[in-house]
Protein backbone atom coordinates (compact mmCIF):
# COMPACT_ATOMS: atom_id res chain seq x y z
CA MET A 1 -33.02 29.01 -2.86
CA THR A 2 -35.25 28.77 -5.88
CA ASN A 3 -34.86 26.36 -8.76
CA VAL A 4 -36.46 28.83 -11.14
CA LEU A 5 -34.18 31.20 -13.07
CA ARG A 6 -35.05 33.82 -15.65
CA ASN A 7 -33.84 33.96 -19.22
CA SER A 8 -32.96 37.02 -21.21
CA ALA A 9 -36.63 37.64 -21.99
CA ASP A 10 -37.36 37.61 -18.25
CA SER A 11 -39.50 34.46 -18.54
CA PRO A 12 -39.10 31.81 -15.84
CA VAL A 13 -36.80 28.87 -16.51
CA ASP A 14 -36.96 25.67 -14.49
CA PHE A 15 -33.30 25.11 -13.67
CA LYS A 16 -33.71 21.43 -12.73
CA ALA A 17 -35.61 20.70 -15.92
CA LYS A 18 -32.99 22.51 -18.00
CA GLN A 19 -30.20 20.65 -16.21
CA ALA A 20 -31.95 17.34 -16.88
CA GLU A 21 -32.26 18.19 -20.59
CA PHE A 22 -28.58 19.13 -20.69
CA ALA A 23 -27.48 15.87 -19.01
CA ALA A 24 -29.81 13.72 -21.10
CA TYR A 25 -28.34 15.02 -24.33
CA ILE A 26 -24.76 14.60 -23.13
CA ARG A 27 -25.47 11.01 -22.05
CA ASP A 28 -27.35 9.95 -25.18
CA PRO A 29 -27.55 12.44 -28.04
CA GLU A 30 -29.14 9.82 -30.30
CA GLN A 31 -32.25 9.67 -28.11
CA ASN A 32 -32.43 13.20 -26.71
CA PRO A 33 -32.64 16.58 -28.48
CA ILE A 34 -30.31 19.47 -27.87
CA PRO A 35 -31.79 21.68 -25.12
CA ALA A 36 -33.61 24.74 -26.38
CA ASP A 37 -31.73 28.05 -26.25
CA VAL A 38 -28.30 26.33 -26.23
CA LYS A 39 -26.08 26.62 -29.27
CA GLN A 40 -25.55 23.35 -31.11
CA ASP A 41 -21.78 23.69 -31.42
CA ARG A 42 -21.50 24.39 -27.69
CA MET A 43 -23.52 21.28 -26.82
CA LEU A 44 -21.46 19.18 -29.20
CA MET A 45 -18.31 20.40 -27.47
CA TYR A 46 -19.69 19.61 -23.99
CA ARG A 47 -20.83 16.17 -25.14
CA GLN A 48 -17.45 15.32 -26.66
CA LEU A 49 -15.59 16.56 -23.60
CA PHE A 50 -17.60 14.44 -21.15
CA PHE A 51 -17.59 11.32 -23.33
CA ASN A 52 -13.87 11.51 -24.12
CA ASN A 53 -13.05 11.75 -20.41
CA ILE A 54 -15.04 8.60 -19.62
CA GLU A 55 -13.75 6.71 -22.67
CA GLY A 56 -10.14 7.61 -21.93
CA PHE A 57 -10.42 6.57 -18.32
CA LEU A 58 -12.00 3.21 -19.19
CA SER A 59 -9.52 2.42 -21.96
CA GLY A 60 -6.66 3.21 -19.57
CA ASN A 61 -8.02 0.93 -16.86
CA PHE A 62 -9.17 -1.93 -19.09
CA PRO A 63 -6.39 -2.10 -21.70
CA VAL A 64 -6.79 -5.80 -22.60
CA LEU A 65 -10.53 -5.47 -23.03
CA ARG A 66 -9.94 -2.41 -25.21
CA GLN A 67 -7.48 -4.37 -27.39
CA LEU A 68 -9.97 -7.17 -27.96
CA LEU A 69 -12.70 -4.93 -29.31
CA GLU A 70 -12.86 -3.15 -32.62
CA ASP A 71 -13.05 0.64 -32.37
CA ALA A 72 -16.76 0.70 -33.16
CA GLU A 73 -17.49 -2.08 -30.65
CA TRP A 74 -15.54 -0.31 -27.91
CA ILE A 75 -17.20 3.05 -28.53
CA ALA A 76 -20.63 1.37 -28.52
CA LEU A 77 -19.85 -0.32 -25.19
CA VAL A 78 -18.66 2.92 -23.58
CA GLN A 79 -21.68 4.77 -24.96
CA ASP A 80 -24.05 2.15 -23.55
CA PHE A 81 -22.40 2.50 -20.13
CA PHE A 82 -22.46 6.29 -20.37
CA ALA A 83 -26.14 6.35 -21.31
CA LYS A 84 -27.49 3.68 -18.94
CA HIS A 85 -25.45 3.77 -15.76
CA ARG A 86 -25.90 6.33 -13.01
CA CYS A 87 -22.60 6.60 -11.15
CA GLU A 88 -22.94 6.84 -7.39
CA SER A 89 -19.46 8.30 -6.87
CA PRO A 90 -18.06 11.63 -8.10
CA HIS A 91 -14.48 10.26 -8.04
CA PHE A 92 -12.86 9.30 -11.33
CA SER A 93 -10.85 6.55 -9.61
CA GLU A 94 -14.10 4.72 -8.84
CA ILE A 95 -15.42 4.75 -12.41
CA PRO A 96 -13.89 1.30 -13.15
CA GLU A 97 -15.86 -0.20 -10.25
CA GLU A 98 -19.01 1.48 -11.56
CA PHE A 99 -18.23 -0.04 -14.97
CA LEU A 100 -18.03 -3.49 -13.35
CA TYR A 101 -21.44 -2.98 -11.76
CA TYR A 102 -22.84 -1.99 -15.15
CA LEU A 103 -21.38 -5.10 -16.82
CA GLU A 104 -22.78 -7.38 -14.13
CA HIS A 105 -26.23 -5.84 -13.61
CA GLU A 106 -27.13 -3.63 -16.57
CA ARG A 107 -25.38 -5.04 -19.62
CA ASP A 108 -27.36 -7.63 -21.59
CA THR A 109 -25.86 -8.18 -25.03
CA ALA A 110 -25.55 -11.68 -26.49
CA GLU A 111 -22.69 -10.60 -28.78
CA ASP A 112 -20.36 -9.88 -25.86
CA PHE A 113 -17.44 -12.18 -25.15
CA PRO A 114 -18.53 -14.73 -22.53
CA PHE A 115 -15.53 -13.80 -20.37
CA LEU A 116 -16.17 -10.04 -20.56
CA LEU A 117 -17.12 -9.57 -16.90
CA GLU A 118 -14.35 -11.80 -15.53
CA LEU A 119 -11.66 -10.12 -17.63
CA ALA A 120 -12.88 -6.67 -16.60
CA HIS A 121 -12.88 -7.74 -12.95
CA TYR A 122 -9.30 -9.02 -13.22
CA GLU A 123 -8.15 -5.75 -14.79
CA TRP A 124 -10.01 -3.78 -12.12
CA VAL A 125 -8.28 -5.77 -9.34
CA GLU A 126 -4.88 -4.75 -10.70
CA MET A 127 -5.90 -1.10 -10.66
CA ALA A 128 -7.57 -1.30 -7.23
CA LEU A 129 -4.48 -2.86 -5.63
CA SER A 130 -2.16 -0.32 -7.26
CA ILE A 131 -3.98 2.61 -5.61
CA SER A 132 -5.03 0.91 -2.36
CA ASN A 133 -4.23 2.74 0.87
CA GLU A 134 -3.87 -0.54 2.78
CA LEU A 135 -0.47 -1.10 4.38
CA PRO A 136 1.71 -4.06 3.33
CA LEU A 137 2.72 -6.70 5.82
CA PRO A 138 6.11 -6.31 7.53
CA GLU A 139 9.12 -7.45 5.54
CA PRO A 140 9.67 -11.22 5.91
CA ILE A 141 12.45 -12.48 8.15
CA ALA A 142 15.56 -13.28 6.13
CA THR A 143 16.06 -16.94 5.27
CA HIS A 144 19.04 -18.83 3.88
CA GLN A 145 18.45 -21.96 1.86
CA ASP A 146 22.08 -22.95 1.11
CA ALA A 147 24.11 -25.17 3.40
CA GLU A 148 26.91 -22.63 3.88
CA HIS A 149 24.70 -20.27 5.89
CA PRO A 150 22.63 -20.91 9.02
CA THR A 151 18.86 -20.65 8.62
CA ASP A 152 17.50 -17.56 10.35
CA PHE A 153 13.89 -18.53 9.76
CA GLY A 154 12.68 -21.62 8.00
CA ALA A 155 9.67 -23.77 7.28
CA ASP A 156 9.73 -25.47 10.67
CA ASP A 157 9.62 -22.07 12.38
CA LEU A 158 6.60 -21.12 10.31
CA LEU A 159 4.64 -24.16 11.55
CA ALA A 160 4.34 -22.69 15.05
CA LYS A 161 3.21 -19.24 13.89
CA HIS A 162 -0.18 -17.70 13.29
CA LEU A 163 -0.49 -16.44 9.73
CA ARG A 164 -2.57 -13.75 8.10
CA VAL A 165 -3.14 -12.84 4.48
CA SER A 166 -1.96 -9.43 3.33
CA PRO A 167 -4.74 -6.92 2.59
CA LEU A 168 -2.79 -6.27 -0.61
CA ALA A 169 -3.14 -9.89 -1.76
CA TRP A 170 -6.44 -11.05 -3.23
CA SER A 171 -7.11 -14.69 -4.05
CA LEU A 172 -9.48 -15.01 -7.01
CA ALA A 173 -11.36 -17.76 -8.83
CA TYR A 174 -12.51 -17.43 -12.45
CA GLN A 175 -14.14 -19.71 -15.01
CA TYR A 176 -11.80 -18.36 -17.69
CA PRO A 177 -7.98 -17.99 -17.65
CA VAL A 178 -8.23 -14.21 -17.56
CA HIS A 179 -4.48 -13.71 -17.11
CA LYS A 180 -3.86 -15.37 -20.49
CA ILE A 181 -6.58 -13.65 -22.52
CA GLY A 182 -5.40 -11.31 -25.25
CA PRO A 183 -5.68 -10.72 -29.01
CA SER A 184 -3.92 -14.05 -29.67
CA HIS A 185 -5.96 -16.03 -27.14
CA ILE A 186 -9.73 -15.51 -27.07
CA PRO A 187 -11.52 -18.48 -25.46
CA LEU A 188 -15.18 -18.68 -26.44
CA SER A 189 -16.07 -21.35 -23.87
CA PRO A 190 -14.72 -21.99 -20.37
CA PRO A 191 -12.10 -24.72 -19.95
CA ALA A 192 -12.85 -27.80 -17.88
CA LEU A 193 -10.85 -26.48 -14.94
CA ALA A 194 -11.36 -23.12 -13.25
CA THR A 195 -8.52 -20.61 -12.87
CA PHE A 196 -7.24 -19.63 -9.43
CA LEU A 197 -5.00 -16.60 -8.98
CA ILE A 198 -3.41 -14.44 -6.35
CA VAL A 199 -3.02 -10.81 -7.39
CA TYR A 200 -0.82 -8.91 -4.95
CA ARG A 201 1.20 -5.74 -4.44
CA ASN A 202 4.71 -6.41 -3.20
CA HIS A 203 6.98 -4.32 -0.98
CA GLU A 204 8.28 -2.47 -4.06
CA ASP A 205 4.65 -1.48 -4.87
CA ASP A 206 4.60 -3.61 -8.00
CA VAL A 207 1.38 -5.49 -8.74
CA ASN A 208 1.99 -9.12 -9.69
CA PHE A 209 -0.01 -12.30 -10.00
CA LEU A 210 0.50 -15.99 -9.27
CA GLU A 211 -1.49 -18.86 -10.71
CA ILE A 212 -2.29 -21.22 -7.85
CA THR A 213 -3.97 -24.58 -7.33
CA PRO A 214 -7.47 -24.99 -5.87
CA MET A 215 -5.82 -26.39 -2.74
CA THR A 216 -3.69 -23.27 -2.25
CA TYR A 217 -6.79 -21.14 -2.81
CA ARG A 218 -8.58 -23.14 -0.11
CA LEU A 219 -5.58 -22.86 2.24
CA LEU A 220 -5.61 -19.08 1.99
CA GLU A 221 -9.36 -19.14 2.61
CA ILE A 222 -8.82 -21.14 5.80
CA ILE A 223 -6.17 -18.68 7.02
CA GLN A 224 -8.54 -15.76 6.39
CA VAL A 225 -11.60 -17.35 7.99
CA GLU A 226 -9.97 -19.14 10.92
CA GLU A 227 -8.51 -16.27 12.92
CA GLN A 228 -5.48 -17.08 15.06
CA CYS A 229 -5.16 -20.47 13.36
CA LEU A 230 -1.67 -21.98 13.68
CA THR A 231 0.04 -22.73 10.40
CA LYS A 232 0.28 -26.39 11.43
CA THR A 233 -3.45 -26.52 12.22
CA CYS A 234 -4.39 -24.89 8.89
CA LEU A 235 -2.24 -27.38 7.00
CA GLU A 236 -3.71 -30.30 8.89
CA GLN A 237 -7.20 -29.09 8.02
CA ILE A 238 -6.39 -28.88 4.30
CA ALA A 239 -4.83 -32.36 4.48
CA LEU A 240 -7.99 -33.69 6.12
CA GLU A 241 -10.22 -32.10 3.48
CA SER A 242 -8.08 -33.50 0.66
CA GLN A 243 -8.57 -37.07 1.95
CA HIS A 244 -5.06 -37.88 0.73
CA PRO A 245 -3.86 -41.33 1.85
CA ASN A 246 -0.62 -39.74 3.08
CA PRO A 247 -1.52 -36.46 4.82
CA GLU A 248 2.14 -35.63 5.47
CA ILE A 249 2.65 -35.08 1.75
CA ILE A 250 -0.07 -32.41 1.78
CA VAL A 251 1.25 -30.79 4.97
CA ASN A 252 4.85 -30.66 3.73
CA GLY A 253 3.87 -29.44 0.27
CA GLY A 254 1.56 -26.82 1.73
CA LEU A 255 4.28 -25.63 4.08
CA GLN A 256 6.69 -25.03 1.21
CA ILE A 257 4.00 -23.09 -0.64
CA LEU A 258 3.35 -20.95 2.45
CA MET A 259 7.07 -20.23 2.79
CA ASP A 260 7.13 -18.97 -0.79
CA LEU A 261 4.01 -16.84 -0.18
CA TYR A 262 5.60 -15.54 3.02
CA GLN A 263 8.73 -14.42 1.18
CA LYS A 264 6.56 -12.63 -1.40
CA GLY A 265 4.64 -10.76 1.31
CA ILE A 266 1.35 -12.48 0.44
CA VAL A 267 1.06 -13.99 3.90
CA GLY A 268 2.67 -12.76 7.09
CA ILE A 269 3.10 -13.68 10.72
CA GLU A 270 0.37 -12.51 13.05
CA GLU A 271 1.83 -10.57 15.95
CA ASP A 272 1.13 -12.15 19.34
């Protein structure tokens, strides 16, 4: 196959060169001329079509970020991404991840909000979990907490089980409280304490989040890293790391937290 075509005057045309001119104009019309022999109104239509698709997809996947920026600021951000970044994937569903890469590695603007990347990552996580093909953990065993019913499965039973974290539950650490950021709350410097979250998809396929303590974050990390670790052993390790004068308080408190996470489908019992 040849990359050389012929125009109406039967003169050779370098197809790759023409394609590059076409793409360059669509990406950044301010810096690149309209390709020769292509009608201006046609190129303007192509440019608007491509840009509107990208802008619409980004605004739909990063709604909070879009709210925080003025129209001109948002359009300038999308245009910078459109002009600079070379997407590696042809799938529209992966554009938000490409946008994250751009923010982290290619964006360098002092006027940006200091939490821009973290907020975008948090919004991306919600989208990624909503479309994930991973399977949820099995439904938790029914439990009864009131005295009128026997307990089918309780905290003591959980102690002797191996736990695993759901692939649809991501524990996250941020400098900024990204789950609270919005038009009425725009922090310009990070608070003294970091923010720890679990974002998860439940058995009804709803994506939710929980704000957690650093200790719960560490507990989930232990469960993920230490394969086939008994719940009791994981809790004893977190108690040891905490250096609390009464380790039983940490173990009992951690066990209640794990029971709550178990009921939400965030952690589950590892099959023997």
